[in-house]
Amino acid sequence: MTNKATSTPHKIFQFLALGFIFIVLPGGSWYYLNEGYNYRKAILEELDQDLGTIPNFQLPNQNNKVITDKALRGKVAIVNSLSLPPSVSEQAIIQQLVKVQDQFDKRDDIVFLTFTKAAAQEEVASYFKTLDVKRNKNQWHFLTGTDAELVQIEQKMALPASLQNSVTNNSTMVIADSSSTIRYVYDFREKEAVKKLIHHIPNLMPRPKEKEGIRKSKEMGDTEE
């Protein structure tokens, strides 16, 4: 009687264990894989837009080094505008962007551009030093130029009219792929904008094979020039 009594719970345990291994685990794995697939699909659909391109430019950065649009070749670009001294809302936006840059500062295929309206280049250099950019400061360029140059760049971006209203108060952030095509526009006054940007960046990064092709294309372009 004792053996039969103890064997029954043992069989039930074996049955439950096998059910967990062959039914629950595969089902759970399928669910999470499917959720991941749908999540990535939704992000790629968000980024499947052509909202213009980052135009040609040639402007000094915070280190007084001239940066051109060639710096964007093969890289994901996050671009915004800033006026110095910054307003309270602009300062909050830049601090949010500092947190984003801090998460991706080890990547060499991302570049941050901030077109900065300032009275003098020294003002740009001084302001950049106040930011808590911990590492890879060369990944972020605070570019400055004349009012006419900055307006021309803004106009050449040719964002849809529905997206241009917030450009003037510098709350707009754009992300461009490795071909400098603008894929999404964010209003950084919205709470979800930062989170969305962080999710979008990895999905625009060139894959290893793409990076190799971009590298060879860049080398050929440099040779031709």
Protein backbone atom coordinates (compact mmCIF):
# COMPACT_ATOMS: atom_id res chain seq x y z
CA MET A 1 0.00 0.00 0.00
CA THR A 2 2.82 2.38 0.85
CA ASN A 3 4.60 1.85 -2.46
CA LYS A 4 1.37 2.51 -4.42
CA ALA A 5 0.63 5.62 -2.34
CA THR A 6 4.08 7.09 -2.93
CA SER A 7 4.25 6.17 -6.63
CA THR A 8 1.03 8.01 -7.52
CA PRO A 9 2.31 11.50 -6.53
CA HIS A 10 5.59 10.66 -8.26
CA LYS A 11 3.79 9.86 -11.51
CA ILE A 12 1.73 13.04 -11.22
CA PHE A 13 4.91 15.06 -10.72
CA GLN A 14 6.52 13.40 -13.78
CA PHE A 15 3.44 14.13 -15.86
CA LEU A 16 3.42 17.77 -14.81
CA ALA A 17 7.16 18.11 -15.43
CA LEU A 18 6.88 16.62 -18.91
CA GLY A 19 3.91 18.85 -19.65
CA PHE A 20 5.90 21.89 -18.58
CA ILE A 21 8.90 20.90 -20.72
CA PHE A 22 7.01 19.93 -23.87
CA ILE A 23 4.00 22.25 -23.75
CA VAL A 24 4.50 25.26 -21.48
CA LEU A 25 8.13 26.09 -22.40
CA PRO A 26 7.66 25.87 -26.20
CA GLY A 27 4.41 27.81 -25.94
CA GLY A 28 6.05 30.50 -23.85
CA SER A 29 9.05 30.71 -26.18
CA TRP A 30 6.77 31.04 -29.19
CA TYR A 31 4.80 33.78 -27.45
CA TYR A 32 7.87 35.87 -26.62
CA LEU A 33 9.42 35.34 -30.06
CA ASN A 34 6.16 36.40 -31.67
CA GLU A 35 5.91 39.44 -29.42
CA GLY A 36 9.50 40.36 -30.28
CA TYR A 37 8.82 39.95 -33.98
CA ASN A 38 5.69 42.11 -33.84
CA TYR A 39 7.52 44.74 -31.78
CA ARG A 40 10.41 44.99 -34.26
CA LYS A 41 7.98 44.99 -37.18
CA ALA A 42 6.08 47.91 -35.65
CA ILE A 43 9.31 49.88 -35.15
CA LEU A 44 10.48 49.24 -38.71
CA GLU A 45 7.11 50.40 -40.01
CA GLU A 46 7.50 53.64 -37.99
CA LEU A 47 10.93 54.16 -39.54
CA ASP A 48 9.80 53.35 -43.08
CA GLN A 49 9.53 57.03 -44.02
CA ASP A 50 11.41 59.37 -46.32
CA LEU A 51 11.15 62.83 -44.73
CA GLY A 52 13.94 64.46 -46.71
CA THR A 53 17.69 64.37 -46.19
CA ILE A 54 20.30 66.04 -44.03
CA PRO A 55 21.70 68.73 -46.40
CA ASN A 56 25.32 69.51 -47.13
CA PHE A 57 27.02 71.68 -44.52
CA GLN A 58 30.46 72.89 -43.50
CA LEU A 59 30.51 74.41 -40.03
CA PRO A 60 32.87 74.60 -37.03
CA ASN A 61 32.06 72.56 -33.92
CA GLN A 62 32.66 73.31 -30.24
CA ASN A 63 36.38 72.59 -30.71
CA ASN A 64 36.51 75.00 -33.69
CA LYS A 65 37.06 72.00 -35.97
CA VAL A 66 35.25 72.25 -39.30
CA ILE A 67 32.74 69.42 -39.68
CA THR A 68 31.04 68.60 -42.98
CA ASP A 69 28.24 66.28 -44.02
CA LYS A 70 30.93 63.70 -44.85
CA ALA A 71 31.01 62.97 -41.10
CA LEU A 72 27.56 61.36 -41.51
CA ARG A 73 28.61 58.77 -44.08
CA GLY A 74 27.53 55.32 -42.97
CA LYS A 75 26.27 56.60 -39.63
CA VAL A 76 22.94 57.06 -37.93
CA ALA A 77 22.53 60.78 -37.25
CA ILE A 78 20.49 62.40 -34.49
CA VAL A 79 20.01 66.07 -35.32
CA ASN A 80 18.49 69.02 -33.47
CA SER A 81 18.79 72.79 -33.07
CA LEU A 82 19.65 74.95 -30.08
CA SER A 83 19.83 78.65 -29.25
CA LEU A 84 22.35 80.01 -26.75
CA PRO A 85 21.82 80.87 -24.04
CA PRO A 86 19.20 78.10 -23.93
CA SER A 87 15.69 78.59 -22.66
CA VAL A 88 14.50 76.44 -19.75
CA SER A 89 12.73 74.07 -22.15
CA GLU A 90 15.78 73.83 -24.44
CA GLN A 91 18.04 73.05 -21.51
CA ALA A 92 15.70 70.25 -20.46
CA ILE A 93 15.75 68.85 -24.00
CA ILE A 94 19.55 68.86 -24.18
CA GLN A 95 19.80 67.11 -20.81
CA GLN A 96 17.51 64.38 -22.13
CA LEU A 97 19.70 64.07 -25.21
CA VAL A 98 22.79 63.76 -23.01
CA LYS A 99 21.20 60.66 -21.46
CA VAL A 100 20.56 59.20 -24.92
CA GLN A 101 24.13 59.85 -26.05
CA ASP A 102 25.43 58.25 -22.86
CA GLN A 103 23.72 54.97 -23.81
CA PHE A 104 25.31 54.83 -27.26
CA ASP A 105 28.63 56.55 -26.71
CA LYS A 106 30.67 53.42 -27.46
CA ARG A 107 29.31 53.16 -30.99
CA ASP A 108 31.29 54.55 -33.90
CA ASP A 109 28.31 54.37 -36.27
CA ILE A 110 26.27 57.10 -34.52
CA VAL A 111 26.75 60.85 -34.63
CA PHE A 112 24.91 63.63 -32.80
CA LEU A 113 24.59 67.03 -34.47
CA THR A 114 23.28 70.14 -32.75
CA PHE A 115 23.01 73.19 -34.99
CA THR A 116 23.61 76.01 -32.55
CA LYS A 117 22.68 79.67 -32.84
CA ALA A 118 25.16 81.62 -30.73
CA ALA A 119 26.78 85.04 -30.63
CA ALA A 120 30.28 83.54 -30.85
CA GLN A 121 31.94 80.16 -31.24
CA GLU A 122 33.49 80.54 -27.80
CA GLU A 123 29.99 80.56 -26.33
CA VAL A 124 29.35 77.16 -27.90
CA ALA A 125 32.58 75.71 -26.50
CA SER A 126 31.80 77.08 -23.05
CA TYR A 127 28.27 75.66 -23.04
CA PHE A 128 29.39 72.21 -24.19
CA LYS A 129 31.77 72.01 -21.24
CA THR A 130 28.83 72.44 -18.86
CA LEU A 131 27.12 69.30 -20.18
CA ASP A 132 27.69 65.99 -18.45
CA VAL A 133 29.03 64.21 -21.52
CA LYS A 134 30.98 61.44 -19.82
CA ARG A 135 32.74 59.70 -22.72
CA ASN A 136 33.29 59.97 -26.46
CA LYS A 137 32.78 63.71 -26.64
CA ASN A 138 33.84 63.58 -30.30
CA GLN A 139 30.60 61.74 -31.11
CA TRP A 140 28.59 64.94 -30.59
CA HIS A 141 29.17 68.09 -32.62
CA PHE A 142 27.71 71.43 -31.60
CA LEU A 143 27.86 73.26 -34.93
CA THR A 144 27.50 77.01 -35.30
CA GLY A 145 27.25 79.42 -38.21
CA THR A 146 25.62 82.63 -39.30
CA ASP A 147 21.86 83.01 -39.05
CA ALA A 148 21.63 82.76 -42.83
CA GLU A 149 23.60 79.48 -42.91
CA LEU A 150 21.48 77.88 -40.19
CA VAL A 151 18.21 78.99 -41.78
CA GLN A 152 19.36 77.62 -45.12
CA ILE A 153 20.15 74.24 -43.58
CA GLU A 154 16.75 74.15 -41.89
CA GLN A 155 14.99 75.00 -45.14
CA LYS A 156 16.93 72.41 -47.12
CA MET A 157 15.78 69.68 -44.75
CA ALA A 158 12.35 70.23 -46.27
CA LEU A 159 10.39 68.51 -43.51
CA PRO A 160 6.67 68.12 -44.17
CA ALA A 161 4.72 71.26 -43.24
CA SER A 162 2.93 69.41 -40.45
CA LEU A 163 6.28 68.81 -38.74
CA GLN A 164 7.87 72.23 -39.14
CA ASN A 165 5.97 74.17 -36.48
CA SER A 166 8.07 72.94 -33.58
CA VAL A 167 11.39 73.44 -35.36
CA THR A 168 11.40 77.13 -34.52
CA ASN A 169 11.32 76.49 -30.76
CA ASN A 170 14.01 73.81 -31.04
CA SER A 171 11.90 70.98 -29.65
CA THR A 172 12.26 68.94 -32.84
CA MET A 173 14.71 66.06 -33.09
CA VAL A 174 15.24 64.07 -36.28
CA ILE A 175 16.92 60.75 -36.90
CA ALA A 176 18.52 59.88 -40.23
CA ASP A 177 19.80 56.55 -41.48
CA SER A 178 23.27 55.80 -42.89
CA SER A 179 22.30 57.42 -46.21
CA SER A 180 21.30 60.66 -44.37
CA THR A 181 17.62 60.05 -45.14
CA ILE A 182 15.44 61.39 -42.33
CA ARG A 183 13.33 58.51 -41.04
CA TYR A 184 11.51 59.98 -38.05
CA VAL A 185 10.83 63.29 -36.35
CA TYR A 186 10.36 63.63 -32.58
CA ASP A 187 8.84 66.38 -30.51
CA PHE A 188 10.97 66.32 -27.37
CA ARG A 189 8.27 68.07 -25.40
CA GLU A 190 6.46 64.72 -25.39
CA LYS A 191 7.37 62.30 -22.59
CA GLU A 192 7.55 59.25 -24.85
CA ALA A 193 9.87 60.89 -27.39
CA VAL A 194 13.12 59.95 -25.62
CA LYS A 195 12.05 56.34 -25.14
CA LYS A 196 11.00 56.09 -28.79
CA LEU A 197 14.33 57.52 -29.97
CA ILE A 198 16.27 55.01 -27.85
CA HIS A 199 14.23 52.17 -29.37
CA HIS A 200 14.66 53.48 -32.91
CA ILE A 201 18.43 53.96 -32.90
CA PRO A 202 19.45 50.25 -32.80
CA ASN A 203 17.01 49.44 -35.60
CA LEU A 204 18.69 51.95 -37.93
CA MET A 205 22.25 50.89 -37.16
CA PRO A 206 23.94 49.27 -40.16
CA ARG A 207 24.33 45.50 -39.92
CA PRO A 208 27.92 44.11 -40.21
CA LYS A 209 27.63 43.41 -43.97
CA GLU A 210 26.09 46.83 -44.57
CA LYS A 211 28.88 48.49 -42.57
CA GLU A 212 31.50 46.76 -44.72
CA GLY A 213 29.78 47.97 -47.88
CA ILE A 214 29.51 51.49 -46.49
CA ARG A 215 33.19 51.46 -45.49
CA LYS A 216 34.28 50.45 -49.01
CA SER A 217 31.95 53.05 -50.54
CA LYS A 218 33.41 55.72 -48.26
CA GLU A 219 36.97 54.74 -49.17
CA MET A 220 36.14 54.95 -52.88
CA GLY A 221 34.50 58.35 -52.38
CA ASP A 222 37.54 59.66 -50.52
CA THR A 223 39.82 58.34 -53.27
CA GLU A 224 37.78 60.06 -55.98
CA GLU A 225 37.97 63.34 -54.12
